[in-house]
Protein backbone atom coordinates (compact mmCIF):
# COMPACT_ATOMS: atom_id res chain seq x y z
CA MET A 1 56.57 123.61 93.88
CA ILE A 2 60.14 124.41 94.88
CA ASP A 3 61.82 121.80 97.07
CA TYR A 4 63.59 123.52 99.98
CA ASN A 5 64.41 120.28 101.80
CA GLN A 6 67.93 120.23 103.30
CA LYS A 7 68.90 123.53 101.66
CA LYS A 8 70.86 126.14 103.60
CA PHE A 9 70.39 129.89 103.30
CA LYS A 10 72.09 133.00 104.67
CA PRO A 11 71.04 136.64 104.58
CA VAL A 12 72.79 138.90 102.08
CA THR A 13 70.79 142.00 103.09
CA ASN A 14 68.53 142.92 106.00
CA THR A 15 67.00 146.12 107.30
CA GLU A 16 68.63 147.65 110.37
CA ASN A 17 65.89 146.52 112.78
CA GLY A 18 66.49 142.83 111.98
CA ASP A 19 68.53 140.37 114.04
CA THR A 20 69.89 138.22 111.19
CA SER A 21 73.16 138.87 109.36
CA SER A 22 75.49 137.12 106.92
CA GLU A 23 76.66 135.05 109.91
CA THR A 24 73.17 133.55 110.39
CA ILE A 25 72.60 130.17 108.70
CA PHE A 26 69.13 128.72 108.11
CA GLU A 27 68.74 125.00 107.37
CA TYR A 28 65.39 124.23 105.76
CA PHE A 29 63.46 120.96 105.91
CA GLN A 30 60.35 120.34 103.82
CA ASN A 31 57.71 117.60 103.84
CA ARG A 32 55.11 118.21 101.10
CA ASN A 33 54.10 121.84 101.66
CA THR A 34 55.24 122.04 105.30
CA LEU A 35 58.54 123.84 105.92
CA THR A 36 60.60 123.98 109.11
CA SER A 37 64.01 125.45 109.84
CA GLU A 38 66.58 125.81 112.56
CA TYR A 39 68.82 128.87 112.45
CA SER A 40 71.64 130.45 114.44
CA GLY A 41 74.70 132.64 114.07
CA GLY A 42 75.59 136.29 114.49
CA LYS A 43 73.10 137.86 116.93
CA ILE A 44 70.97 134.67 116.99
CA ILE A 45 71.71 132.03 119.64
CA ALA A 46 68.95 129.64 118.52
CA GLY A 47 65.89 129.98 116.33
CA HIS A 48 63.15 128.03 114.58
CA LEU A 49 60.61 128.75 111.90
CA ILE A 50 57.59 126.94 110.55
CA GLY A 51 55.82 127.69 107.31
CA ILE A 52 53.63 126.62 104.44
CA VAL A 53 54.94 126.55 100.85
CA ASP A 54 52.49 127.30 98.04
CA GLU A 55 52.59 125.92 94.47
CA LEU A 56 54.84 128.83 93.34
CA GLY A 57 57.34 128.30 96.16
CA ASN A 58 56.20 131.29 98.23
CA ILE A 59 56.52 130.71 101.96
CA ASP A 60 54.15 131.99 104.66
CA MET A 61 56.07 131.52 107.92
CA ARG A 62 56.25 132.28 111.61
CA TYR A 63 59.55 132.46 113.48
CA HIS A 64 60.98 132.74 116.96
CA HIS A 65 64.51 132.99 118.30
CA ILE A 66 66.67 133.98 121.25
CA ASN A 67 69.15 136.75 120.50
CA ILE A 68 72.47 137.53 122.20
CA GLU A 69 70.71 140.03 124.49
CA GLY A 70 68.74 137.08 125.90
CA GLU A 71 65.45 138.25 124.39
CA ILE A 72 62.87 135.91 122.88
CA MET A 73 61.82 137.47 119.58
CA THR A 74 58.89 136.40 117.40
CA GLY A 75 57.60 137.39 113.99
CA ILE A 76 55.84 136.67 110.73
CA CYS A 77 57.38 136.57 107.27
CA LYS A 78 56.32 136.22 103.63
CA SER A 79 59.07 134.94 101.37
CA MET A 80 59.11 134.92 97.54
CA PRO A 81 61.67 132.82 95.65
CA GLU A 82 63.79 133.80 92.68
CA ILE A 83 65.84 131.18 90.81
CA LEU A 84 69.28 132.58 90.01
CA PRO A 85 71.15 131.79 86.75
CA ASN A 86 73.35 129.31 88.66
CA GLY A 87 70.22 127.40 89.82
CA LYS A 88 70.45 128.59 93.42
CA ILE A 89 67.44 130.09 95.21
CA ARG A 90 67.22 133.71 96.37
CA LEU A 91 64.43 134.53 98.84
CA HIS A 92 62.92 138.03 98.96
CA GLU A 93 61.36 138.47 102.39
CA LYS A 94 58.98 140.95 103.99
CA TRP A 95 58.69 140.43 107.73
CA GLN A 96 57.28 141.96 110.88
CA TRP A 97 58.14 141.48 114.52
CA THR A 98 55.22 140.30 116.68
CA SER A 99 57.30 141.09 119.76
CA GLY A 100 59.33 144.13 120.78
CA ASP A 101 58.48 147.21 118.71
CA CYS A 102 56.42 145.26 116.10
CA SER A 103 58.34 147.03 113.32
CA GLU A 104 58.57 145.75 109.74
CA GLY A 105 61.54 144.97 107.57
CA GLU A 106 62.85 143.31 104.43
CA SER A 107 65.66 140.87 103.84
CA ILE A 108 67.17 138.79 101.06
CA LEU A 109 68.52 135.29 101.68
CA GLU A 110 70.55 133.22 99.25
CA GLU A 111 71.13 129.49 99.10
CA VAL A 112 74.59 128.37 100.15
CA ASN A 113 76.36 125.04 99.62
């Protein structure tokens, strides 16, 4: 299982209907297979996620945040890891809003120092 504890990630790509950007920073915390995160930056004032990590490092998560328009946004996300040649983690995500227009999207996050 991949250990995400105390790792930070930022989006490198996101579909147009997403709120995150390269200015958004996620800080992950992991205890066994339970994952939590706080995130903010760019269009996100404050956000949290909670998820379960499987034996391959895939994450099944739920998220919520407040954006700069003052909206509370919620969604679900499936994230699949890729280990880069430099040892950093890249996360390939497929997500869907459970609020607003309930549209779907994809994003890629990469581990930062």
